[in-house]
Amino acid sequence: MRNLFWIAGLSLVAQLANAESQAVPYQYGDHLDIAKVVSLDVPAGGCEVVEATMTYLDSKGETHSVSYLRQGTD
């Protein structure tokens, strides 16, 4: 029985970690509490508009990801 609870708890933690790793789409006017940018992922797209992802730490030290539209890197 103890193993069943352990497996269920591990499964729940894995689902929460997966849900947090998905980027939330940015909406104009959203307030972002950015203390430190961890990474920027900008796909190559020439001069076209691409969906970039920014991962950052807020003032409490929690990690967040937000996706937004921007011009490609070229």
C-alpha atoms as a PDB file:
ATOM      1  CA  MET A   1       0.000   0.000   0.000  1.00  0.00           C
ATOM      2  CA  ARG A   2       2.856   2.375   0.828  1.00  0.00           C
ATOM      3  CA  ASN A   3       4.348   1.846  -2.637  1.00  0.00           C
ATOM      4  CA  LEU A   4       1.011   2.747  -4.224  1.00  0.00           C
ATOM      5  CA  PHE A   5       0.981   6.118  -2.451  1.00  0.00           C
ATOM      6  CA  TRP A   6       4.600   6.741  -3.413  1.00  0.00           C
ATOM      7  CA  ILE A   7       3.891   5.991  -7.102  1.00  0.00           C
ATOM      8  CA  ALA A   8       0.771   8.174  -7.082  1.00  0.00           C
ATOM      9  CA  GLY A   9       2.716  11.057  -5.514  1.00  0.00           C
ATOM     10  CA  LEU A  10       5.532  10.700  -8.024  1.00  0.00           C
ATOM     11  CA  SER A  11       3.005  10.712 -10.858  1.00  0.00           C
ATOM     12  CA  LEU A  12       1.410  13.914  -9.538  1.00  0.00           C
ATOM     13  CA  VAL A  13       4.785  15.673  -9.223  1.00  0.00           C
ATOM     14  CA  ALA A  14       5.692  14.664 -12.795  1.00  0.00           C
ATOM     15  CA  GLN A  15       2.412  16.100 -14.110  1.00  0.00           C
ATOM     16  CA  LEU A  16       2.957  19.384 -12.266  1.00  0.00           C
ATOM     17  CA  ALA A  17       6.515  19.678 -13.576  1.00  0.00           C
ATOM     18  CA  ASN A  18       5.312  19.086 -17.124  1.00  0.00           C
ATOM     19  CA  ALA A  19       2.530  21.660 -16.803  1.00  0.00           C
ATOM     20  CA  GLU A  20       4.948  24.302 -15.506  1.00  0.00           C
ATOM     21  CA  SER A  21       7.389  23.796 -18.364  1.00  0.00           C
ATOM     22  CA  GLN A  22       4.832  24.914 -20.955  1.00  0.00           C
ATOM     23  CA  ALA A  23       5.062  28.567 -21.899  1.00  0.00           C
ATOM     24  CA  VAL A  24       2.089  30.835 -21.246  1.00  0.00           C
ATOM     25  CA  PRO A  25       1.208  33.071 -24.224  1.00  0.00           C
ATOM     26  CA  TYR A  26       1.868  36.761 -23.509  1.00  0.00           C
ATOM     27  CA  GLN A  27      -1.143  39.076 -23.765  1.00  0.00           C
ATOM     28  CA  TYR A  28      -0.678  42.816 -24.277  1.00  0.00           C
ATOM     29  CA  GLY A  29      -0.872  44.511 -20.899  1.00  0.00           C
ATOM     30  CA  ASP A  30       0.242  41.486 -18.847  1.00  0.00           C
ATOM     31  CA  HIS A  31       2.413  42.436 -15.887  1.00  0.00           C
ATOM     32  CA  LEU A  32       5.541  40.267 -15.812  1.00  0.00           C
ATOM     33  CA  ASP A  33       7.564  40.181 -12.594  1.00  0.00           C
ATOM     34  CA  ILE A  34      10.984  39.554 -14.178  1.00  0.00           C
ATOM     35  CA  ALA A  35      13.949  39.547 -11.812  1.00  0.00           C
ATOM     36  CA  LYS A  36      16.320  37.606 -14.076  1.00  0.00           C
ATOM     37  CA  VAL A  37      16.038  36.228 -17.614  1.00  0.00           C
ATOM     38  CA  VAL A  38      17.233  32.614 -17.688  1.00  0.00           C
ATOM     39  CA  SER A  39      16.945  31.932 -21.432  1.00  0.00           C
ATOM     40  CA  LEU A  40      15.519  33.213 -24.697  1.00  0.00           C
ATOM     41  CA  ASP A  41      14.570  30.731 -27.411  1.00  0.00           C
ATOM     42  CA  VAL A  42      14.100  32.489 -30.766  1.00  0.00           C
ATOM     43  CA  PRO A  43      13.702  30.140 -33.740  1.00  0.00           C
ATOM     44  CA  ALA A  44      15.348  31.104 -37.031  1.00  0.00           C
ATOM     45  CA  GLY A  45      12.716  32.532 -39.333  1.00  0.00           C
ATOM     46  CA  GLY A  46      14.393  35.066 -41.550  1.00  0.00           C
ATOM     47  CA  CYS A  47      12.470  38.310 -41.323  1.00  0.00           C
ATOM     48  CA  GLU A  48       9.146  36.593 -40.625  1.00  0.00           C
ATOM     49  CA  VAL A  49       7.272  36.754 -37.329  1.00  0.00           C
ATOM     50  CA  VAL A  50       8.134  33.788 -35.102  1.00  0.00           C
ATOM     51  CA  GLU A  51       6.987  32.586 -31.691  1.00  0.00           C
ATOM     52  CA  ALA A  52       9.786  33.047 -29.157  1.00  0.00           C
ATOM     53  CA  THR A  53       9.925  31.720 -25.598  1.00  0.00           C
ATOM     54  CA  MET A  54      11.456  33.475 -22.612  1.00  0.00           C
ATOM     55  CA  THR A  55      12.196  31.658 -19.358  1.00  0.00           C
ATOM     56  CA  TYR A  56      12.703  33.900 -16.345  1.00  0.00           C
ATOM     57  CA  LEU A  57      12.830  34.050 -12.565  1.00  0.00           C
ATOM     58  CA  ASP A  58      10.404  36.296 -10.714  1.00  0.00           C
ATOM     59  CA  SER A  59      11.191  38.286  -7.559  1.00  0.00           C
ATOM     60  CA  LYS A  60      10.308  35.230  -5.417  1.00  0.00           C
ATOM     61  CA  GLY A  61      12.761  32.996  -7.309  1.00  0.00           C
ATOM     62  CA  GLU A  62      10.068  30.996  -9.119  1.00  0.00           C
ATOM     63  CA  THR A  63      10.651  30.004 -12.752  1.00  0.00           C
ATOM     64  CA  HIS A  64       8.150  31.009 -15.448  1.00  0.00           C
ATOM     65  CA  SER A  65       8.016  30.712 -19.240  1.00  0.00           C
ATOM     66  CA  VAL A  66       6.173  33.044 -21.571  1.00  0.00           C
ATOM     67  CA  SER A  67       5.799  32.844 -25.342  1.00  0.00           C
ATOM     68  CA  TYR A  68       5.454  35.907 -27.532  1.00  0.00           C
ATOM     69  CA  LEU A  69       5.603  36.948 -31.179  1.00  0.00           C
ATOM     70  CA  ARG A  70       8.635  38.756 -32.545  1.00  0.00           C
ATOM     71  CA  GLN A  71      10.556  39.240 -35.759  1.00  0.00           C
ATOM     72  CA  GLY A  72      12.991  36.450 -36.673  1.00  0.00           C
ATOM     73  CA  THR A  73      16.684  36.783 -35.893  1.00  0.00           C
ATOM     74  CA  ASP A  74      17.863  37.338 -39.479  1.00  0.00           C
END
